[in-house]
Structure formats: C-alpha cells, structure tokens
Amino acid sequence: MTLTLIDRTRRTDATPGKDVVTTGTVPRKSPEAAPRRAAGREADGLAVASFVLGLVGLLVFNIVLGPMAIVMALLALTRHTRRRGRAFLGLALGVADLAVLAALVTANGTVAWSIGG
C-alpha cells in the first residue's frame, strides 16, 4: 500500500471555484517575515528588561543596573519596540538609579551603603 500526499491549494491565476492539484509544492512564506518578528520580539524584550533592571536597580547594585537599563532602553527605542512606554520607563528608572547613586555617594562619601542604617 502506498500513501501519496496531494496538496490542494488555490492559485490566484486559476479560475474561481476550481481546485488546482499540485504535488510536492508547499506554500512559502516571505523570507523577511520571520526576521522582522524576531527583531520585534527582541526589541520588546529589551524594553521589558530595561524596565525590570531599572526597578531593581533602585534598591540594589544601582552602579551597574542603572547604566544597563539605560542602554537597553535606548536599544529598544532604536529598534522600534511596540512597548515604547516600558522603554521610556526603563530609561527614566535607569537615570533615577544613577541619581540615587549620586545622592548616596554625596551623603555617605562612599559607594558602599547598607539598607539597615
């Protein structure tokens, strides 16, 4: 017993209402569609990551997380993310991280600080 697969697709140049039988052909997507979606997802991920890093950076390790949040937010904005609000919020939180760091350095005179007082 032999199994033969037949792909029945409608062609645009065929007459309406009639199926065209072709064997071995697969409808192809445009090769540019997948990279565009991947780039969009990557930019959205950068926007969310900048927001999270900026938020965490307000509490701990702001000397590193602040600049990382700023860089990721700027990358997300240049790659035209759909989450522009989160990218701008990540940018603002990254700048706030650096402002908190500057305030703590001027208050304590050192980069090292503790929450307990």
C-alpha atoms as a PDB file:
ATOM      1  CA  MET A   1       0.000   0.000   0.000  1.00  0.00           C
ATOM      2  CA  THR A   2       1.355   3.412  -0.992  1.00  0.00           C
ATOM      3  CA  LEU A   3       0.356   6.743   0.518  1.00  0.00           C
ATOM      4  CA  THR A   4       0.513   9.766  -1.747  1.00  0.00           C
ATOM      5  CA  LEU A   5       0.117  13.268  -0.367  1.00  0.00           C
ATOM      6  CA  ILE A   6      -1.591  15.797  -2.584  1.00  0.00           C
ATOM      7  CA  ASP A   7      -1.507  19.468  -1.742  1.00  0.00           C
ATOM      8  CA  ARG A   8      -4.660  21.242  -2.902  1.00  0.00           C
ATOM      9  CA  THR A   9      -4.150  24.976  -2.988  1.00  0.00           C
ATOM     10  CA  ARG A  10      -5.875  27.778  -4.777  1.00  0.00           C
ATOM     11  CA  ARG A  11      -3.774  29.764  -7.163  1.00  0.00           C
ATOM     12  CA  THR A  12      -4.594  33.379  -7.889  1.00  0.00           C
ATOM     13  CA  ASP A  13      -4.427  32.864 -11.637  1.00  0.00           C
ATOM     14  CA  ALA A  14      -6.757  29.830 -11.592  1.00  0.00           C
ATOM     15  CA  THR A  15     -10.427  30.117 -12.290  1.00  0.00           C
ATOM     16  CA  PRO A  16     -12.518  30.750  -9.181  1.00  0.00           C
ATOM     17  CA  GLY A  17     -14.148  27.719  -7.634  1.00  0.00           C
ATOM     18  CA  LYS A  18     -11.759  25.128  -9.068  1.00  0.00           C
ATOM     19  CA  ASP A  19      -9.053  23.464  -7.036  1.00  0.00           C
ATOM     20  CA  VAL A  20      -5.669  23.040  -8.625  1.00  0.00           C
ATOM     21  CA  VAL A  21      -3.944  19.797  -7.753  1.00  0.00           C
ATOM     22  CA  THR A  22      -0.214  20.053  -7.356  1.00  0.00           C
ATOM     23  CA  THR A  23       2.148  17.550  -5.873  1.00  0.00           C
ATOM     24  CA  GLY A  24       5.220  18.369  -3.877  1.00  0.00           C
ATOM     25  CA  THR A  25       4.649  22.095  -3.556  1.00  0.00           C
ATOM     26  CA  VAL A  26       4.461  23.837  -0.218  1.00  0.00           C
ATOM     27  CA  PRO A  27       3.160  27.373   0.189  1.00  0.00           C
ATOM     28  CA  ARG A  28       6.104  29.525   1.153  1.00  0.00           C
ATOM     29  CA  LYS A  29       6.157  32.495   3.430  1.00  0.00           C
ATOM     30  CA  SER A  30       8.193  35.520   2.634  1.00  0.00           C
ATOM     31  CA  PRO A  31      11.737  35.096   3.947  1.00  0.00           C
ATOM     32  CA  GLU A  32      11.670  38.554   5.555  1.00  0.00           C
ATOM     33  CA  ALA A  33       8.621  37.887   7.760  1.00  0.00           C
ATOM     34  CA  ALA A  34      10.395  35.761  10.375  1.00  0.00           C
ATOM     35  CA  PRO A  35      13.374  38.095  10.978  1.00  0.00           C
ATOM     36  CA  ARG A  36      11.046  41.084  11.376  1.00  0.00           C
ATOM     37  CA  ARG A  37       9.002  39.269  14.014  1.00  0.00           C
ATOM     38  CA  ALA A  38      12.154  38.122  15.795  1.00  0.00           C
ATOM     39  CA  ALA A  39      13.553  41.657  15.799  1.00  0.00           C
ATOM     40  CA  GLY A  40      10.265  42.995  17.148  1.00  0.00           C
ATOM     41  CA  ARG A  41      10.220  40.420  19.929  1.00  0.00           C
ATOM     42  CA  GLU A  42      13.829  41.174  20.737  1.00  0.00           C
ATOM     43  CA  ALA A  43      13.112  44.893  20.966  1.00  0.00           C
ATOM     44  CA  ASP A  44      10.082  44.226  23.183  1.00  0.00           C
ATOM     45  CA  GLY A  45      12.243  42.023  25.391  1.00  0.00           C
ATOM     46  CA  LEU A  46      14.834  44.771  25.664  1.00  0.00           C
ATOM     47  CA  ALA A  47      12.156  47.243  26.736  1.00  0.00           C
ATOM     48  CA  VAL A  48      10.858  44.927  29.453  1.00  0.00           C
ATOM     49  CA  ALA A  49      14.387  44.064  30.598  1.00  0.00           C
ATOM     50  CA  SER A  50      15.310  47.747  30.890  1.00  0.00           C
ATOM     51  CA  PHE A  51      12.203  48.355  32.991  1.00  0.00           C
ATOM     52  CA  VAL A  52      12.972  45.439  35.323  1.00  0.00           C
ATOM     53  CA  LEU A  53      16.658  46.323  35.656  1.00  0.00           C
ATOM     54  CA  GLY A  54      15.835  49.950  36.365  1.00  0.00           C
ATOM     55  CA  LEU A  55      13.291  48.954  39.001  1.00  0.00           C
ATOM     56  CA  VAL A  56      15.629  46.511  40.743  1.00  0.00           C
ATOM     57  CA  GLY A  57      18.482  48.997  40.431  1.00  0.00           C
ATOM     58  CA  LEU A  58      16.640  51.455  42.658  1.00  0.00           C
ATOM     59  CA  LEU A  59      17.174  49.054  45.547  1.00  0.00           C
ATOM     60  CA  VAL A  60      20.454  47.243  44.930  1.00  0.00           C
ATOM     61  CA  PHE A  61      23.526  47.381  42.715  1.00  0.00           C
ATOM     62  CA  ASN A  62      22.496  50.613  41.017  1.00  0.00           C
ATOM     63  CA  ILE A  63      26.036  51.375  39.850  1.00  0.00           C
ATOM     64  CA  VAL A  64      25.714  48.570  37.253  1.00  0.00           C
ATOM     65  CA  LEU A  65      21.965  48.116  36.756  1.00  0.00           C
ATOM     66  CA  GLY A  66      21.282  51.810  36.075  1.00  0.00           C
ATOM     67  CA  PRO A  67      23.563  52.102  33.028  1.00  0.00           C
ATOM     68  CA  MET A  68      22.412  48.684  31.785  1.00  0.00           C
ATOM     69  CA  ALA A  69      18.775  49.816  31.962  1.00  0.00           C
ATOM     70  CA  ILE A  70      19.622  52.998  30.051  1.00  0.00           C
ATOM     71  CA  VAL A  71      21.477  51.128  27.296  1.00  0.00           C
ATOM     72  CA  MET A  72      18.739  48.511  26.901  1.00  0.00           C
ATOM     73  CA  ALA A  73      16.024  51.171  26.766  1.00  0.00           C
ATOM     74  CA  LEU A  74      17.885  53.107  24.081  1.00  0.00           C
ATOM     75  CA  LEU A  75      18.432  49.931  22.056  1.00  0.00           C
ATOM     76  CA  ALA A  76      14.740  49.058  22.318  1.00  0.00           C
ATOM     77  CA  LEU A  77      13.729  52.539  21.171  1.00  0.00           C
ATOM     78  CA  THR A  78      16.115  52.498  18.206  1.00  0.00           C
ATOM     79  CA  ARG A  79      14.776  49.075  17.169  1.00  0.00           C
ATOM     80  CA  HIS A  80      11.207  50.452  17.187  1.00  0.00           C
ATOM     81  CA  THR A  81       9.699  48.450  20.001  1.00  0.00           C
ATOM     82  CA  ARG A  82       5.945  48.213  20.381  1.00  0.00           C
ATOM     83  CA  ARG A  83       6.404  48.749  24.132  1.00  0.00           C
ATOM     84  CA  ARG A  84       7.631  52.324  23.945  1.00  0.00           C
ATOM     85  CA  GLY A  85       6.127  53.172  27.331  1.00  0.00           C
ATOM     86  CA  ARG A  86       8.145  50.477  29.070  1.00  0.00           C
ATOM     87  CA  ALA A  87      11.283  51.523  27.235  1.00  0.00           C
ATOM     88  CA  PHE A  88      10.825  55.147  28.321  1.00  0.00           C
ATOM     89  CA  LEU A  89      10.052  54.000  31.859  1.00  0.00           C
ATOM     90  CA  GLY A  90      13.195  51.828  31.856  1.00  0.00           C
ATOM     91  CA  LEU A  91      15.182  54.836  30.652  1.00  0.00           C
ATOM     92  CA  ALA A  92      13.753  57.026  33.408  1.00  0.00           C
ATOM     93  CA  LEU A  93      14.381  54.368  36.045  1.00  0.00           C
ATOM     94  CA  GLY A  94      17.964  53.948  34.840  1.00  0.00           C
ATOM     95  CA  VAL A  95      18.536  57.677  35.213  1.00  0.00           C
ATOM     96  CA  ALA A  96      16.855  57.528  38.638  1.00  0.00           C
ATOM     97  CA  ASP A  97      19.257  54.727  39.602  1.00  0.00           C
ATOM     98  CA  LEU A  98      22.179  56.982  38.834  1.00  0.00           C
ATOM     99  CA  ALA A  99      20.551  59.855  40.738  1.00  0.00           C
ATOM    100  CA  VAL A 100      20.074  57.603  43.792  1.00  0.00           C
ATOM    101  CA  LEU A 101      23.701  56.516  43.476  1.00  0.00           C
ATOM    102  CA  ALA A 102      24.847  60.151  43.327  1.00  0.00           C
ATOM    103  CA  ALA A 103      22.728  61.046  46.368  1.00  0.00           C
ATOM    104  CA  LEU A 104      24.101  58.104  48.363  1.00  0.00           C
ATOM    105  CA  VAL A 105      27.684  58.898  47.410  1.00  0.00           C
ATOM    106  CA  THR A 106      27.320  62.518  48.493  1.00  0.00           C
ATOM    107  CA  ALA A 107      25.577  61.528  51.738  1.00  0.00           C
ATOM    108  CA  ASN A 108      27.972  58.735  52.755  1.00  0.00           C
ATOM    109  CA  GLY A 109      31.096  59.757  50.896  1.00  0.00           C
ATOM    110  CA  THR A 110      31.463  56.219  49.539  1.00  0.00           C
ATOM    111  CA  VAL A 111      29.796  53.933  47.022  1.00  0.00           C
ATOM    112  CA  ALA A 112      29.196  51.217  49.640  1.00  0.00           C
ATOM    113  CA  TRP A 113      25.943  51.612  51.585  1.00  0.00           C
ATOM    114  CA  SER A 114      23.609  49.498  53.633  1.00  0.00           C
ATOM    115  CA  ILE A 115      19.852  49.446  53.998  1.00  0.00           C
ATOM    116  CA  GLY A 116      19.876  48.787  57.775  1.00  0.00           C
ATOM    117  CA  GLY A 117      21.455  52.163  58.549  1.00  0.00           C
END
